Every structure is written in C-alpha cells, then in structure tokens.
Amino acid sequence: MPSTKSSTEEYSGFTAEERAAMKEHAQEQKKAAARRGASKAEKEAAAEQDVLAKIAEMPEADRVLAERIHEIIKAAAPDLAPRLWYGMPAYARDGKVVCHFQSAEKFKSRYATLGFSDRAALDDGAMWPTAFALKELTAADEQLVSALVKKACA
C-alpha cells in the first residue's frame, strides 16, 4: 500500500530536548533503583537533594521561579514528595506525580510552566486548566499557586 505522506515530508522523530528528557528519566530510574536498600527517610532526603540540585543548575530566571515554587509547594502540601520527573522538579503522592515545574530553558520556551497531572483534584466542570505559564511570581500569584496546590491535593 503506498504511503500517504509526500516524498518531501520526513518524520524527524523526537527533538533533542525530548531525547534529553528521556535520558534524564532513565538516569532518574537508575538512581531510584540504586536507593532501593535505603530507608524511606533517606530516599526522600536524597530525592529532595536531587530536585534542589536540578533547580540550582537552571538559568537565573528559571531558578528563581523554581526555588519559590518549591517553597510554596512544600508549605501548601507538605505530604507531597519532591522528586525528579523527566529532569524536572516534580511533587508526588504515593509515587505518582501531582504537579511539576518545567523551566523555560528545558524546551526552549518563552515561559516556565507549572503543570498538574490527572492525579491533581483540579476538576471544575467539563473543562479546566492543567498548566500555567510563569514569567514571574507576584504575591497574588504565589497565593494562587498555593491554593491550586492545596486543591490539587484535596
């Protein structure tokens, strides 16, 4: 059966950024496997250190946002466990990611993103936002992020 694609169209596969994120995810899985013998407290402390180290690597604008988001999430939902998820700071409950921060630099975007997974209880009617663009955080924005994280964990 002939292809429906024209001969000028070619599948280019994943972007370099997507391939890098997948490699980071594989490294995260190897680190997690290496920690299997550690206590729960040791695993959690190591995972948080991984998140803080990843944040420290970010360009200044993203780093400032990520540090503040980390603080807000830790205060609003202390039961969420920080961990890396495809090379991004994420926050999980029972091993499942509830929310994550994506730096603008990660995928060469013009803004950072705070995203929520389907585990987040943000349902509001038939349609609701699951990701928010971040360029800066005002006091009002910080209150909104805190309220969203609390609602996501309800």
Protein backbone atom coordinates (compact mmCIF):
# COMPACT_ATOMS: atom_id res chain seq x y z
CA MET A 1 0.00 0.00 0.00
CA PRO A 2 1.53 3.36 -0.94
CA SER A 3 2.35 5.87 1.77
CA THR A 4 0.02 8.82 2.22
CA LYS A 5 2.97 11.07 3.05
CA SER A 6 4.51 13.07 0.27
CA SER A 7 8.11 12.29 -0.54
CA THR A 8 9.17 15.71 0.80
CA GLU A 9 7.74 15.02 4.30
CA GLU A 10 10.01 13.14 6.66
CA TYR A 11 9.44 12.06 10.22
CA SER A 12 12.14 13.76 12.25
CA GLY A 13 11.46 11.85 15.47
CA PHE A 14 11.90 13.39 18.87
CA THR A 15 13.51 16.78 19.34
CA ALA A 16 16.90 17.00 21.01
CA GLU A 17 15.17 18.37 24.11
CA GLU A 18 12.72 15.45 24.20
CA ARG A 19 15.57 12.93 23.81
CA ALA A 20 17.48 14.65 26.62
CA ALA A 21 14.41 14.48 28.88
CA MET A 22 14.04 10.75 28.18
CA LYS A 23 17.72 10.20 29.01
CA GLU A 24 17.26 12.13 32.24
CA HIS A 25 14.27 9.96 33.09
CA ALA A 26 16.36 6.81 32.55
CA GLN A 27 19.07 8.21 34.86
CA GLU A 28 16.39 9.03 37.47
CA GLN A 29 15.20 5.42 37.32
CA LYS A 30 18.76 4.12 37.80
CA LYS A 31 19.24 6.39 40.83
CA ALA A 32 15.95 5.18 42.30
CA ALA A 33 16.98 1.56 41.78
CA ALA A 34 20.33 2.20 43.48
CA ARG A 35 18.48 3.59 46.52
CA ARG A 36 16.26 0.55 46.99
CA GLY A 37 18.06 -0.58 50.16
CA ALA A 38 17.86 2.84 51.80
CA SER A 39 15.27 3.82 54.39
CA LYS A 40 12.22 5.83 53.36
CA ALA A 41 13.64 8.95 55.05
CA GLU A 42 16.98 8.51 53.25
CA LYS A 43 15.23 8.08 49.89
CA GLU A 44 13.09 11.17 50.45
CA ALA A 45 16.09 13.27 51.52
CA ALA A 46 18.11 12.12 48.50
CA ALA A 47 15.19 12.81 46.13
CA GLU A 48 14.78 16.33 47.52
CA GLN A 49 18.52 16.94 47.14
CA ASP A 50 18.24 15.81 43.50
CA VAL A 51 15.42 18.33 42.97
CA LEU A 52 17.37 21.14 44.63
CA ALA A 53 20.47 20.29 42.57
CA LYS A 54 18.40 20.37 39.35
CA ILE A 55 16.94 23.74 40.34
CA ALA A 56 20.45 25.07 41.08
CA GLU A 57 21.51 24.16 37.51
CA MET A 58 18.78 26.31 35.94
CA PRO A 59 19.41 29.72 34.39
CA GLU A 60 18.75 32.51 36.92
CA ALA A 61 15.23 33.47 35.82
CA ASP A 62 14.03 29.85 35.89
CA ARG A 63 15.96 29.10 39.09
CA VAL A 64 14.30 31.98 40.98
CA LEU A 65 10.85 30.77 39.91
CA ALA A 66 11.61 27.12 40.65
CA GLU A 67 13.00 27.89 44.11
CA ARG A 68 9.90 29.85 45.01
CA ILE A 69 7.54 27.23 43.56
CA HIS A 70 9.41 24.58 45.60
CA GLU A 71 8.94 26.61 48.79
CA ILE A 72 5.24 27.24 48.07
CA ILE A 73 4.51 23.58 47.34
CA LYS A 74 6.40 22.38 50.43
CA ALA A 75 4.38 24.80 52.60
CA ALA A 76 0.99 24.20 50.93
CA ALA A 77 1.27 20.40 50.67
CA PRO A 78 3.99 19.01 52.94
CA ASP A 79 2.78 15.47 52.16
CA LEU A 80 3.91 15.79 48.52
CA ALA A 81 7.35 14.27 48.00
CA PRO A 82 9.81 16.18 45.79
CA ARG A 83 11.36 14.08 43.03
CA LEU A 84 12.73 14.47 39.54
CA TRP A 85 10.45 13.63 36.64
CA TYR A 86 11.99 13.70 33.17
CA GLY A 87 14.63 16.05 34.56
CA MET A 88 12.06 18.45 36.03
CA PRO A 89 11.27 19.18 39.67
CA ALA A 90 8.06 17.33 40.49
CA TYR A 91 5.97 16.64 43.56
CA ALA A 92 4.33 13.27 44.09
CA ARG A 93 1.92 11.46 46.37
CA ASP A 94 2.28 7.69 46.70
CA GLY A 95 4.88 7.75 43.92
CA LYS A 96 2.55 9.45 41.41
CA VAL A 97 3.36 12.96 40.20
CA VAL A 98 0.72 15.55 41.14
CA CYS A 99 2.49 18.66 39.85
CA HIS A 100 5.77 19.69 38.25
CA PHE A 101 7.79 22.73 37.27
CA GLN A 102 9.18 22.99 33.74
CA SER A 103 11.83 25.60 33.15
CA ALA A 104 11.55 27.77 30.06
CA GLU A 105 15.05 26.72 29.06
CA LYS A 106 14.24 22.99 29.15
CA PHE A 107 12.27 23.04 25.91
CA LYS A 108 13.37 26.48 24.68
CA SER A 109 10.03 28.03 25.60
CA ARG A 110 9.38 31.69 26.29
CA TYR A 111 7.96 30.93 29.75
CA ALA A 112 8.28 28.38 32.55
CA THR A 113 5.30 26.17 33.36
CA LEU A 114 3.65 24.84 36.49
CA GLY A 115 1.77 21.73 35.40
CA PHE A 116 -0.66 19.39 37.13
CA SER A 117 -1.25 15.73 36.31
CA ASP A 118 -4.54 13.89 36.22
CA ARG A 119 -3.83 12.96 39.87
CA ALA A 120 -4.49 16.60 40.81
CA ALA A 121 -8.03 17.24 42.01
CA LEU A 122 -8.49 20.42 40.00
CA ASP A 123 -11.67 19.29 38.25
CA ASP A 124 -14.04 22.19 37.63
CA GLY A 125 -16.92 21.33 35.33
CA ALA A 126 -16.21 19.83 31.94
CA MET A 127 -13.00 21.80 31.29
CA TRP A 128 -10.24 23.28 33.47
CA PRO A 129 -6.60 24.32 33.14
CA THR A 130 -3.86 21.84 34.00
CA ALA A 131 -0.81 24.02 33.28
CA PHE A 132 0.06 27.62 33.99
CA ALA A 133 2.65 29.81 32.28
CA LEU A 134 5.05 31.58 34.64
CA LYS A 135 7.21 34.57 33.84
CA GLU A 136 7.33 35.95 37.39
CA LEU A 137 5.56 35.43 40.70
CA THR A 138 3.76 38.29 42.41
CA ALA A 139 2.31 37.92 45.91
CA ALA A 140 -1.11 37.31 44.34
CA ASP A 141 0.39 34.66 42.02
CA GLU A 142 2.01 32.94 45.00
CA GLN A 143 -1.36 32.81 46.77
CA LEU A 144 -2.97 31.34 43.65
CA VAL A 145 -0.24 28.69 43.32
CA SER A 146 -0.66 27.78 46.99
CA ALA A 147 -4.44 27.50 46.62
CA LEU A 148 -4.09 25.38 43.45
CA VAL A 149 -1.64 23.00 45.13
CA LYS A 150 -3.91 22.67 48.16
CA LYS A 151 -6.91 21.99 45.90
CA ALA A 152 -4.88 19.52 43.83
CA CYS A 153 -4.17 17.53 46.98
CA ALA A 154 -7.70 17.64 48.41
